[in-house]
Protein backbone atom coordinates (compact mmCIF):
# COMPACT_ATOMS: atom_id res chain seq x y z
CA MET A 1 278.66 178.70 33.22
CA LYS A 2 277.65 181.73 35.27
CA LEU A 3 274.34 183.35 34.27
CA LYS A 4 273.67 187.04 34.87
CA PRO A 5 270.77 187.60 37.29
CA SER A 6 269.46 190.36 35.01
CA ASP A 7 269.03 187.74 32.24
CA LEU A 8 266.77 185.55 34.39
CA GLU A 9 263.04 185.61 35.04
CA ILE A 10 262.20 183.48 38.09
CA SER A 11 258.75 182.30 39.10
CA THR A 12 257.51 179.80 41.67
CA TYR A 13 254.56 177.44 41.81
CA ASN A 14 253.10 174.86 44.19
CA THR A 15 252.83 171.21 43.26
CA GLY A 16 251.14 168.27 44.91
CA SER A 17 247.62 167.35 45.86
CA ALA A 18 245.62 166.91 49.03
CA TRP A 19 247.18 163.45 49.55
CA ALA A 20 250.70 164.03 48.28
CA ALA A 21 253.57 166.10 49.63
CA LYS A 22 253.54 169.70 48.49
CA PHE A 23 256.63 171.11 46.80
CA ASN A 24 257.55 174.65 45.90
CA GLY A 25 258.60 174.38 42.26
CA VAL A 26 260.80 176.93 40.55
CA ARG A 27 260.70 177.96 36.89
CA ILE A 28 263.60 180.00 35.48
CA LEU A 29 263.59 181.60 32.04
CA HIS A 30 266.86 182.72 30.43
CA ILE A 31 265.57 185.77 28.59
CA PRO A 32 268.23 186.08 25.82
CA THR A 33 267.80 182.46 24.63
CA ARG A 34 264.20 181.83 25.85
CA ILE A 35 265.38 178.56 27.43
CA VAL A 36 263.39 177.39 30.47
CA ALA A 37 264.33 175.12 33.36
CA THR A 38 261.94 173.91 36.05
CA TYR A 39 262.66 171.99 39.22
CA ALA A 40 260.36 170.74 41.99
CA ALA A 41 261.98 167.68 43.59
CA ASN A 42 262.65 169.18 47.02
CA GLU A 43 260.35 170.73 49.59
CA SER A 44 262.71 173.69 49.89
CA GLU A 45 262.20 176.47 47.35
CA HIS A 46 265.85 177.53 47.79
CA LYS A 47 267.16 174.04 46.95
CA ASN A 48 264.84 173.85 43.94
CA ARG A 49 266.01 177.26 42.74
CA HIS A 50 269.65 176.22 43.03
CA GLU A 51 269.02 172.99 41.12
CA ALA A 52 267.01 174.83 38.44
CA GLU A 53 269.88 177.31 38.01
CA LEU A 54 272.33 174.42 37.49
CA VAL A 55 270.03 172.77 34.94
CA LEU A 56 269.51 176.08 33.14
CA ALA A 57 273.23 176.83 33.01
CA ASP A 58 273.84 173.41 31.40
CA LYS A 59 271.06 173.97 28.86
CA VAL A 60 272.34 177.43 27.93
CA GLU A 61 275.92 176.15 27.63
CA ASP A 62 274.77 173.31 25.34
CA HIS A 63 272.77 175.78 23.24
CA ILE A 64 275.81 178.04 22.82
CA LYS A 65 278.04 175.08 21.87
CA GLN A 66 275.53 173.84 19.28
CA LYS A 67 275.14 177.32 17.86
CA SER A 68 278.90 177.73 17.47
CA GLN A 69 279.22 174.30 15.81
CA ILE A 70 276.60 175.23 13.22
CA LYS A 71 278.54 178.40 12.31
CA PHE A 72 281.75 176.49 11.63
CA VAL A 73 280.26 173.62 9.64
């Protein structure tokens, strides 16, 4: 599912501690549904953003499917 960039609110944050590796986490909010996806497994912010977008697209698609099933039941 392709999400419109205008429907997304993207923010970043730093994770880790003085002893652990630091990662640039990404949090993406899909404004119309208020669904949030976060990702911070990679050191690269761009990779984390891409992964968060994939997770968010799956969550939004599942939400839309569940919503349509409720209407027809």
